[in-house]
Amino acid sequence: MQSINFITDEGEEIPFYIIEQTTLAGKDFLLVTDSDTQEDEAQVYIMQEISDQDDQTIYEFVEDEAQLEALSKVFEELLDDVNIQM
């Protein structure tokens, strides 16, 4: 399973495992989990890809409720066996 590392404000690295990715309105989004196993009740998060001033790819959590709801429906359609509950 492919992963990315999220770095907290305190400098701690937390691995997130990519479940699926999609592009919507020209923006790239990832559906990720903090568990590397296929647990039934795993926590999932939606992250948006952003390029910073140095053209490095960084990701941030999507926090807007309307955007989260729309993206969760897109990811549910892409993955037949996933039910995202908010």
PDB file of N, CA and C in Angstrom:
ATOM      1  N   MET A   1       0.851  -1.167   0.000  1.00  0.00           N
ATOM      2  CA  MET A   1       0.000   0.000   0.000  1.00  0.00           C
ATOM      3  C   MET A   1       0.903   1.240   0.000  1.00  0.00           C
ATOM      4  N   GLN A   2       0.639   2.156  -0.900  1.00  0.00           N
ATOM      5  CA  GLN A   2       1.425   3.383  -1.017  1.00  0.00           C
ATOM      6  C   GLN A   2       1.110   4.302   0.169  1.00  0.00           C
ATOM      7  N   SER A   3       2.112   5.038   0.631  1.00  0.00           N
ATOM      8  CA  SER A   3       1.894   5.913   1.778  1.00  0.00           C
ATOM      9  C   SER A   3       2.535   7.281   1.564  1.00  0.00           C
ATOM     10  N   ILE A   4       2.075   8.234   2.374  1.00  0.00           N
ATOM     11  CA  ILE A   4       2.670   9.564   2.446  1.00  0.00           C
ATOM     12  C   ILE A   4       2.891   9.860   3.924  1.00  0.00           C
ATOM     13  N   ASN A   5       3.820  10.742   4.224  1.00  0.00           N
ATOM     14  CA  ASN A   5       4.062  11.132   5.610  1.00  0.00           C
ATOM     15  C   ASN A   5       3.522  12.528   5.853  1.00  0.00           C
ATOM     16  N   PHE A   6       2.751  12.652   6.917  1.00  0.00           N
ATOM     17  CA  PHE A   6       2.224  13.940   7.351  1.00  0.00           C
ATOM     18  C   PHE A   6       3.110  14.410   8.494  1.00  0.00           C
ATOM     19  N   ILE A   7       3.582  15.641   8.431  1.00  0.00           N
ATOM     20  CA  ILE A   7       4.452  16.185   9.473  1.00  0.00           C
ATOM     21  C   ILE A   7       3.651  17.187  10.298  1.00  0.00           C
ATOM     22  N   THR A   8       3.542  16.918  11.597  1.00  0.00           N
ATOM     23  CA  THR A   8       2.790  17.799  12.487  1.00  0.00           C
ATOM     24  C   THR A   8       3.565  19.077  12.751  1.00  0.00           C
ATOM     25  N   ASP A   9       2.916  20.041  13.399  1.00  0.00           N
ATOM     26  CA  ASP A   9       3.575  21.295  13.755  1.00  0.00           C
ATOM     27  C   ASP A   9       4.758  21.064  14.695  1.00  0.00           C
ATOM     28  N   GLU A  10       4.714  19.943  15.440  1.00  0.00           N
ATOM     29  CA  GLU A  10       5.793  19.605  16.362  1.00  0.00           C
ATOM     30  C   GLU A  10       6.909  18.823  15.675  1.00  0.00           C
ATOM     31  N   GLY A  11       6.771  18.554  14.375  1.00  0.00           N
ATOM     32  CA  GLY A  11       7.800  17.842  13.617  1.00  0.00           C
ATOM     33  C   GLY A  11       7.657  16.333  13.627  1.00  0.00           C
ATOM     34  N   GLU A  12       6.591  15.814  14.213  1.00  0.00           N
ATOM     35  CA  GLU A  12       6.358  14.366  14.242  1.00  0.00           C
ATOM     36  C   GLU A  12       5.843  13.895  12.879  1.00  0.00           C
ATOM     37  N   GLU A  13       6.405  12.788  12.375  1.00  0.00           N
ATOM     38  CA  GLU A  13       5.946  12.220  11.109  1.00  0.00           C
ATOM     39  C   GLU A  13       4.910  11.142  11.372  1.00  0.00           C
ATOM     40  N   ILE A  14       3.773  11.267  10.704  1.00  0.00           N
ATOM     41  CA  ILE A  14       2.704  10.275  10.826  1.00  0.00           C
ATOM     42  C   ILE A  14       2.438   9.713   9.431  1.00  0.00           C
ATOM     43  N   PRO A  15       2.582   8.395   9.256  1.00  0.00           N
ATOM     44  CA  PRO A  15       2.308   7.828   7.933  1.00  0.00           C
ATOM     45  C   PRO A  15       0.804   7.694   7.686  1.00  0.00           C
ATOM     46  N   PHE A  16       0.397   8.039   6.485  1.00  0.00           N
ATOM     47  CA  PHE A  16      -0.973   7.820   6.028  1.00  0.00           C
ATOM     48  C   PHE A  16      -0.901   6.948   4.784  1.00  0.00           C
ATOM     49  N   TYR A  17      -1.797   5.979   4.716  1.00  0.00           N
ATOM     50  CA  TYR A  17      -1.809   5.011   3.630  1.00  0.00           C
ATOM     51  C   TYR A  17      -2.915   5.373   2.642  1.00  0.00           C
ATOM     52  N   ILE A  18      -2.527   5.475   1.373  1.00  0.00           N
ATOM     53  CA  ILE A  18      -3.450   5.926   0.333  1.00  0.00           C
ATOM     54  C   ILE A  18      -4.372   4.789  -0.090  1.00  0.00           C
ATOM     55  N   ILE A  19      -5.668   5.033   0.032  1.00  0.00           N
ATOM     56  CA  ILE A  19      -6.686   4.061  -0.380  1.00  0.00           C
ATOM     57  C   ILE A  19      -7.083   4.323  -1.830  1.00  0.00           C
ATOM     58  N   GLU A  20      -7.296   5.609  -2.156  1.00  0.00           N
ATOM     59  CA  GLU A  20      -7.739   5.995  -3.499  1.00  0.00           C
ATOM     60  C   GLU A  20      -7.374   7.454  -3.716  1.00  0.00           C
ATOM     61  N   GLN A  21      -7.310   7.837  -4.974  1.00  0.00           N
ATOM     62  CA  GLN A  21      -7.090   9.237  -5.314  1.00  0.00           C
ATOM     63  C   GLN A  21      -7.988   9.607  -6.480  1.00  0.00           C
ATOM     64  N   THR A  22      -8.324  10.903  -6.551  1.00  0.00           N
ATOM     65  CA  THR A  22      -9.178  11.383  -7.625  1.00  0.00           C
ATOM     66  C   THR A  22      -8.884  12.855  -7.885  1.00  0.00           C
ATOM     67  N   THR A  23      -9.334  13.327  -9.030  1.00  0.00           N
ATOM     68  CA  THR A  23      -9.224  14.735  -9.387  1.00  0.00           C
ATOM     69  C   THR A  23     -10.632  15.274  -9.573  1.00  0.00           C
ATOM     70  N   LEU A  24     -10.903  16.404  -8.957  1.00  0.00           N
ATOM     71  CA  LEU A  24     -12.219  17.019  -9.032  1.00  0.00           C
ATOM     72  C   LEU A  24     -12.018  18.525  -9.214  1.00  0.00           C
ATOM     73  N   ALA A  25     -12.602  19.068 -10.253  1.00  0.00           N
ATOM     74  CA  ALA A  25     -12.482  20.501 -10.567  1.00  0.00           C
ATOM     75  C   ALA A  25     -11.020  20.928 -10.656  1.00  0.00           C
ATOM     76  N   GLY A  26     -10.187  20.065 -11.229  1.00  0.00           N
ATOM     77  CA  GLY A  26      -8.781  20.385 -11.428  1.00  0.00           C
ATOM     78  C   GLY A  26      -7.908  20.264 -10.200  1.00  0.00           C
ATOM     79  N   LYS A  27      -8.460  19.769  -9.094  1.00  0.00           N
ATOM     80  CA  LYS A  27      -7.703  19.602  -7.854  1.00  0.00           C
ATOM     81  C   LYS A  27      -7.595  18.120  -7.525  1.00  0.00           C
ATOM     82  N   ASP A  28      -6.435  17.714  -6.994  1.00  0.00           N
ATOM     83  CA  ASP A  28      -6.198  16.320  -6.651  1.00  0.00           C
ATOM     84  C   ASP A  28      -6.506  16.069  -5.175  1.00  0.00           C
ATOM     85  N   PHE A  29      -7.187  14.953  -4.923  1.00  0.00           N
ATOM     86  CA  PHE A  29      -7.573  14.578  -3.563  1.00  0.00           C
ATOM     87  C   PHE A  29      -7.173  13.131  -3.302  1.00  0.00           C
ATOM     88  N   LEU A  30      -6.844  12.849  -2.033  1.00  0.00           N
ATOM     89  CA  LEU A  30      -6.505  11.500  -1.601  1.00  0.00           C
ATOM     90  C   LEU A  30      -7.459  11.069  -0.511  1.00  0.00           C
ATOM     91  N   LEU A  31      -7.850   9.805  -0.546  1.00  0.00           N
ATOM     92  CA  LEU A  31      -8.556   9.168   0.557  1.00  0.00           C
ATOM     93  C   LEU A  31      -7.504   8.333   1.268  1.00  0.00           C
ATOM     94  N   VAL A  32      -7.222   8.655   2.528  1.00  0.00           N
ATOM     95  CA  VAL A  32      -6.130   8.009   3.253  1.00  0.00           C
ATOM     96  C   VAL A  32      -6.634   7.464   4.587  1.00  0.00           C
ATOM     97  N   THR A  33      -5.840   6.560   5.166  1.00  0.00           N
ATOM     98  CA  THR A  33      -6.110   6.035   6.499  1.00  0.00           C
ATOM     99  C   THR A  33      -4.797   5.991   7.263  1.00  0.00           C
ATOM    100  N   ASP A  34      -4.898   5.987   8.584  1.00  0.00           N
ATOM    101  CA  ASP A  34      -3.691   5.905   9.397  1.00  0.00           C
ATOM    102  C   ASP A  34      -3.358   4.466   9.774  1.00  0.00           C
ATOM    103  N   SER A  35      -4.101   3.516   9.215  1.00  0.00           N
ATOM    104  CA  SER A  35      -3.882   2.098   9.486  1.00  0.00           C
ATOM    105  C   SER A  35      -3.424   1.403   8.206  1.00  0.00           C
ATOM    106  N   ASP A  36      -2.395   0.558   8.325  1.00  0.00           N
ATOM    107  CA  ASP A  36      -1.915  -0.147   7.134  1.00  0.00           C
ATOM    108  C   ASP A  36      -2.603  -1.496   6.938  1.00  0.00           C
ATOM    109  N   THR A  37      -3.633  -1.771   7.742  1.00  0.00           N
ATOM    110  CA  THR A  37      -4.416  -2.996   7.574  1.00  0.00           C
ATOM    111  C   THR A  37      -5.795  -2.623   7.056  1.00  0.00           C
ATOM    112  N   GLN A  38      -6.502  -3.572   6.521  1.00  0.00           N
ATOM    113  CA  GLN A  38      -7.834  -3.347   5.961  1.00  0.00           C
ATOM    114  C   GLN A  38      -8.905  -3.588   7.029  1.00  0.00           C
ATOM    115  N   GLU A  39      -8.862  -2.798   8.101  1.00  0.00           N
ATOM    116  CA  GLU A  39      -9.842  -2.933   9.177  1.00  0.00           C
ATOM    117  C   GLU A  39     -11.221  -2.496   8.695  1.00  0.00           C
ATOM    118  N   ASP A  40     -12.259  -3.134   9.262  1.00  0.00           N
ATOM    119  CA  ASP A  40     -13.625  -2.779   8.897  1.00  0.00           C
ATOM    120  C   ASP A  40     -13.987  -1.356   9.328  1.00  0.00           C
ATOM    121  N   GLU A  41     -13.514  -0.928  10.476  1.00  0.00           N
ATOM    122  CA  GLU A  41     -13.895   0.368  11.032  1.00  0.00           C
ATOM    123  C   GLU A  41     -12.717   1.340  11.074  1.00  0.00           C
ATOM    124  N   ALA A  42     -11.863   1.334  10.086  1.00  0.00           N
ATOM    125  CA  ALA A  42     -10.695   2.208  10.064  1.00  0.00           C
ATOM    126  C   ALA A  42     -11.122   3.661   9.882  1.00  0.00           C
ATOM    127  N   GLN A  43     -10.371   4.572  10.484  1.00  0.00           N
ATOM    128  CA  GLN A  43     -10.591   6.005  10.290  1.00  0.00           C
ATOM    129  C   GLN A  43     -10.025   6.394   8.930  1.00  0.00           C
ATOM    130  N   VAL A  44     -10.787   7.142   8.156  1.00  0.00           N
ATOM    131  CA  VAL A  44     -10.292   7.634   6.871  1.00  0.00           C
ATOM    132  C   VAL A  44     -10.358   9.151   6.858  1.00  0.00           C
ATOM    133  N   TYR A  45      -9.497   9.735   6.046  1.00  0.00           N
ATOM    134  CA  TYR A  45      -9.400  11.180   5.935  1.00  0.00           C
ATOM    135  C   TYR A  45      -9.286  11.539   4.457  1.00  0.00           C
ATOM    136  N   ILE A  46      -9.758  12.721   4.115  1.00  0.00           N
ATOM    137  CA  ILE A  46      -9.618  13.216   2.753  1.00  0.00           C
ATOM    138  C   ILE A  46      -8.626  14.376   2.794  1.00  0.00           C
ATOM    139  N   MET A  47      -7.620  14.276   1.939  1.00  0.00           N
ATOM    140  CA  MET A  47      -6.585  15.301   1.879  1.00  0.00           C
ATOM    141  C   MET A  47      -6.544  15.899   0.477  1.00  0.00           C
ATOM    142  N   GLN A  48      -6.230  17.184   0.400  1.00  0.00           N
ATOM    143  CA  GLN A  48      -6.110  17.878  -0.878  1.00  0.00           C
ATOM    144  C   GLN A  48      -4.643  18.161  -1.158  1.00  0.00           C
ATOM    145  N   GLU A  49      -4.235  17.919  -2.405  1.00  0.00           N
ATOM    146  CA  GLU A  49      -2.865  18.203  -2.825  1.00  0.00           C
ATOM    147  C   GLU A  49      -2.738  19.689  -3.109  1.00  0.00           C
ATOM    148  N   ILE A  50      -1.661  20.273  -2.567  1.00  0.00           N
ATOM    149  CA  ILE A  50      -1.398  21.691  -2.749  1.00  0.00           C
ATOM    150  C   ILE A  50       0.078  21.849  -3.079  1.00  0.00           C
ATOM    151  N   SER A  51       0.403  22.726  -4.010  1.00  0.00           N
ATOM    152  CA  SER A  51       1.800  23.039  -4.302  1.00  0.00           C
ATOM    153  C   SER A  51       2.162  24.306  -3.555  1.00  0.00           C
ATOM    154  N   ASP A  52       3.298  24.284  -2.863  1.00  0.00           N
ATOM    155  CA  ASP A  52       3.719  25.480  -2.149  1.00  0.00           C
ATOM    156  C   ASP A  52       4.582  26.359  -3.043  1.00  0.00           C
ATOM    157  N   GLN A  53       5.185  27.393  -2.487  1.00  0.00           N
ATOM    158  CA  GLN A  53       5.958  28.350  -3.267  1.00  0.00           C
ATOM    159  C   GLN A  53       7.174  27.726  -3.934  1.00  0.00           C
ATOM    160  N   ASP A  54       7.696  26.647  -3.379  1.00  0.00           N
ATOM    161  CA  ASP A  54       8.858  25.963  -3.946  1.00  0.00           C
ATOM    162  C   ASP A  54       8.457  24.844  -4.900  1.00  0.00           C
ATOM    163  N   ASP A  55       7.184  24.800  -5.298  1.00  0.00           N
ATOM    164  CA  ASP A  55       6.629  23.768  -6.171  1.00  0.00           C
ATOM    165  C   ASP A  55       6.779  22.362  -5.587  1.00  0.00           C
ATOM    166  N   GLN A  56       6.821  22.263  -4.256  1.00  0.00           N
ATOM    167  CA  GLN A  56       6.799  20.961  -3.608  1.00  0.00           C
ATOM    168  C   GLN A  56       5.349  20.564  -3.393  1.00  0.00           C
ATOM    169  N   THR A  57       5.070  19.285  -3.499  1.00  0.00           N
ATOM    170  CA  THR A  57       3.718  18.818  -3.269  1.00  0.00           C
ATOM    171  C   THR A  57       3.509  18.606  -1.783  1.00  0.00           C
ATOM    172  N   ILE A  58       2.485  19.254  -1.266  1.00  0.00           N
ATOM    173  CA  ILE A  58       2.105  19.056   0.125  1.00  0.00           C
ATOM    174  C   ILE A  58       0.614  18.748   0.155  1.00  0.00           C
ATOM    175  N   TYR A  59       0.173  18.176   1.260  1.00  0.00           N
ATOM    176  CA  TYR A  59      -1.233  17.809   1.412  1.00  0.00           C
ATOM    177  C   TYR A  59      -1.769  18.432   2.687  1.00  0.00           C
ATOM    178  N   GLU A  60      -3.044  18.805   2.638  1.00  0.00           N
ATOM    179  CA  GLU A  60      -3.695  19.278   3.855  1.00  0.00           C
ATOM    180  C   GLU A  60      -5.068  18.618   3.949  1.00  0.00           C
ATOM    181  N   PHE A  61      -5.540  18.476   5.180  1.00  0.00           N
ATOM    182  CA  PHE A  61      -6.830  17.855   5.405  1.00  0.00           C
ATOM    183  C   PHE A  61      -7.945  18.756   4.892  1.00  0.00           C
ATOM    184  N   VAL A  62      -8.937  18.160   4.257  1.00  0.00           N
ATOM    185  CA  VAL A  62     -10.128  18.900   3.836  1.00  0.00           C
ATOM    186  C   VAL A  62     -11.006  19.036   5.070  1.00  0.00           C
ATOM    187  N   GLU A  63     -11.377  20.261   5.409  1.00  0.00           N
ATOM    188  CA  GLU A  63     -12.157  20.498   6.618  1.00  0.00           C
ATOM    189  C   GLU A  63     -13.543  21.059   6.342  1.00  0.00           C
ATOM    190  N   ASP A  64     -13.776  21.583   5.144  1.00  0.00           N
ATOM    191  CA  ASP A  64     -15.074  22.147   4.790  1.00  0.00           C
ATOM    192  C   ASP A  64     -16.105  21.023   4.707  1.00  0.00           C
ATOM    193  N   GLU A  65     -17.169  21.123   5.494  1.00  0.00           N
ATOM    194  CA  GLU A  65     -18.174  20.050   5.589  1.00  0.00           C
ATOM    195  C   GLU A  65     -18.835  19.745   4.248  1.00  0.00           C
ATOM    196  N   ALA A  66     -19.204  20.767   3.490  1.00  0.00           N
ATOM    197  CA  ALA A  66     -19.862  20.541   2.196  1.00  0.00           C
ATOM    198  C   ALA A  66     -18.920  19.852   1.228  1.00  0.00           C
ATOM    199  N   GLN A  67     -17.662  20.275   1.220  1.00  0.00           N
ATOM    200  CA  GLN A  67     -16.666  19.662   0.344  1.00  0.00           C
ATOM    201  C   GLN A  67     -16.388  18.219   0.773  1.00  0.00           C
ATOM    202  N   LEU A  68     -16.314  17.976   2.081  1.00  0.00           N
ATOM    203  CA  LEU A  68     -16.106  16.609   2.586  1.00  0.00           C
ATOM    204  C   LEU A  68     -17.243  15.684   2.170  1.00  0.00           C
ATOM    205  N   GLU A  69     -18.466  16.165   2.282  1.00  0.00           N
ATOM    206  CA  GLU A  69     -19.617  15.345   1.919  1.00  0.00           C
ATOM    207  C   GLU A  69     -19.602  15.002   0.425  1.00  0.00           C
ATOM    208  N   ALA A  70     -19.320  15.981  -0.416  1.00  0.00           N
ATOM    209  CA  ALA A  70     -19.269  15.749  -1.863  1.00  0.00           C
ATOM    210  C   ALA A  70     -18.147  14.779  -2.219  1.00  0.00           C
ATOM    211  N   LEU A  71     -16.974  14.983  -1.625  1.00  0.00           N
ATOM    212  CA  LEU A  71     -15.844  14.109  -1.924  1.00  0.00           C
ATOM    213  C   LEU A  71     -16.057  12.698  -1.403  1.00  0.00           C
ATOM    214  N   SER A  72     -16.701  12.553  -0.250  1.00  0.00           N
ATOM    215  CA  SER A  72     -16.945  11.210   0.280  1.00  0.00           C
ATOM    216  C   SER A  72     -17.855  10.426  -0.659  1.00  0.00           C
ATOM    217  N   LYS A  73     -18.819  11.086  -1.279  1.00  0.00           N
ATOM    218  CA  LYS A  73     -19.694  10.414  -2.245  1.00  0.00           C
ATOM    219  C   LYS A  73     -18.905   9.971  -3.478  1.00  0.00           C
ATOM    220  N   VAL A  74     -17.988  10.811  -3.932  1.00  0.00           N
ATOM    221  CA  VAL A  74     -17.147  10.460  -5.082  1.00  0.00           C
ATOM    222  C   VAL A  74     -16.304   9.230  -4.751  1.00  0.00           C
ATOM    223  N   PHE A  75     -15.668   9.228  -3.581  1.00  0.00           N
ATOM    224  CA  PHE A  75     -14.828   8.092  -3.202  1.00  0.00           C
ATOM    225  C   PHE A  75     -15.659   6.817  -2.994  1.00  0.00           C
ATOM    226  N   GLU A  76     -16.875   6.939  -2.465  1.00  0.00           N
ATOM    227  CA  GLU A  76     -17.740   5.767  -2.314  1.00  0.00           C
ATOM    228  C   GLU A  76     -18.080   5.162  -3.672  1.00  0.00           C
ATOM    229  N   GLU A  77     -18.289   6.014  -4.675  1.00  0.00           N
ATOM    230  CA  GLU A  77     -18.578   5.514  -6.020  1.00  0.00           C
ATOM    231  C   GLU A  77     -17.363   4.824  -6.633  1.00  0.00           C
ATOM    232  N   LEU A  78     -16.167   5.349  -6.350  1.00  0.00           N
ATOM    233  CA  LEU A  78     -14.948   4.754  -6.890  1.00  0.00           C
ATOM    234  C   LEU A  78     -14.629   3.407  -6.239  1.00  0.00           C
ATOM    235  N   LEU A  79     -15.006   3.265  -4.987  1.00  0.00           N
ATOM    236  CA  LEU A  79     -14.704   2.048  -4.232  1.00  0.00           C
ATOM    237  C   LEU A  79     -16.011   1.375  -3.845  1.00  0.00           C
ATOM    238  N   ASP A  80     -16.318   0.280  -4.482  1.00  0.00           N
ATOM    239  CA  ASP A  80     -17.588  -0.402  -4.264  1.00  0.00           C
ATOM    240  C   ASP A  80     -17.803  -0.855  -2.828  1.00  0.00           C
ATOM    241  N   ASP A  81     -16.726  -1.251  -2.127  1.00  0.00           N
ATOM    242  CA  ASP A  81     -16.858  -1.839  -0.808  1.00  0.00           C
ATOM    243  C   ASP A  81     -16.597  -0.869   0.335  1.00  0.00           C
ATOM    244  N   VAL A  82     -16.676   0.433   0.073  1.00  0.00           N
ATOM    245  CA  VAL A  82     -16.387   1.434   1.106  1.00  0.00           C
ATOM    246  C   VAL A  82     -17.631   2.244   1.388  1.00  0.00           C
ATOM    247  N   ASN A  83     -17.913   2.422   2.686  1.00  0.00           N
ATOM    248  CA  ASN A  83     -19.013   3.262   3.130  1.00  0.00           C
ATOM    249  C   ASN A  83     -18.419   4.295   4.067  1.00  0.00           C
ATOM    250  N   ILE A  84     -18.378   5.538   3.647  1.00  0.00           N
ATOM    251  CA  ILE A  84     -17.764   6.597   4.445  1.00  0.00           C
ATOM    252  C   ILE A  84     -18.843   7.263   5.277  1.00  0.00           C
ATOM    253  N   GLN A  85     -18.648   7.234   6.603  1.00  0.00           N
ATOM    254  CA  GLN A  85     -19.573   7.888   7.508  1.00  0.00           C
ATOM    255  C   GLN A  85     -18.886   9.079   8.134  1.00  0.00           C
ATOM    256  N   MET A  86     -19.618  10.189   8.181  1.00  0.00           N
ATOM    257  CA  MET A  86     -19.028  11.421   8.726  1.00  0.00           C
ATOM    258  C   MET A  86     -19.502  11.634  10.138  1.00  0.00           C
TER     259      MET A  86
END
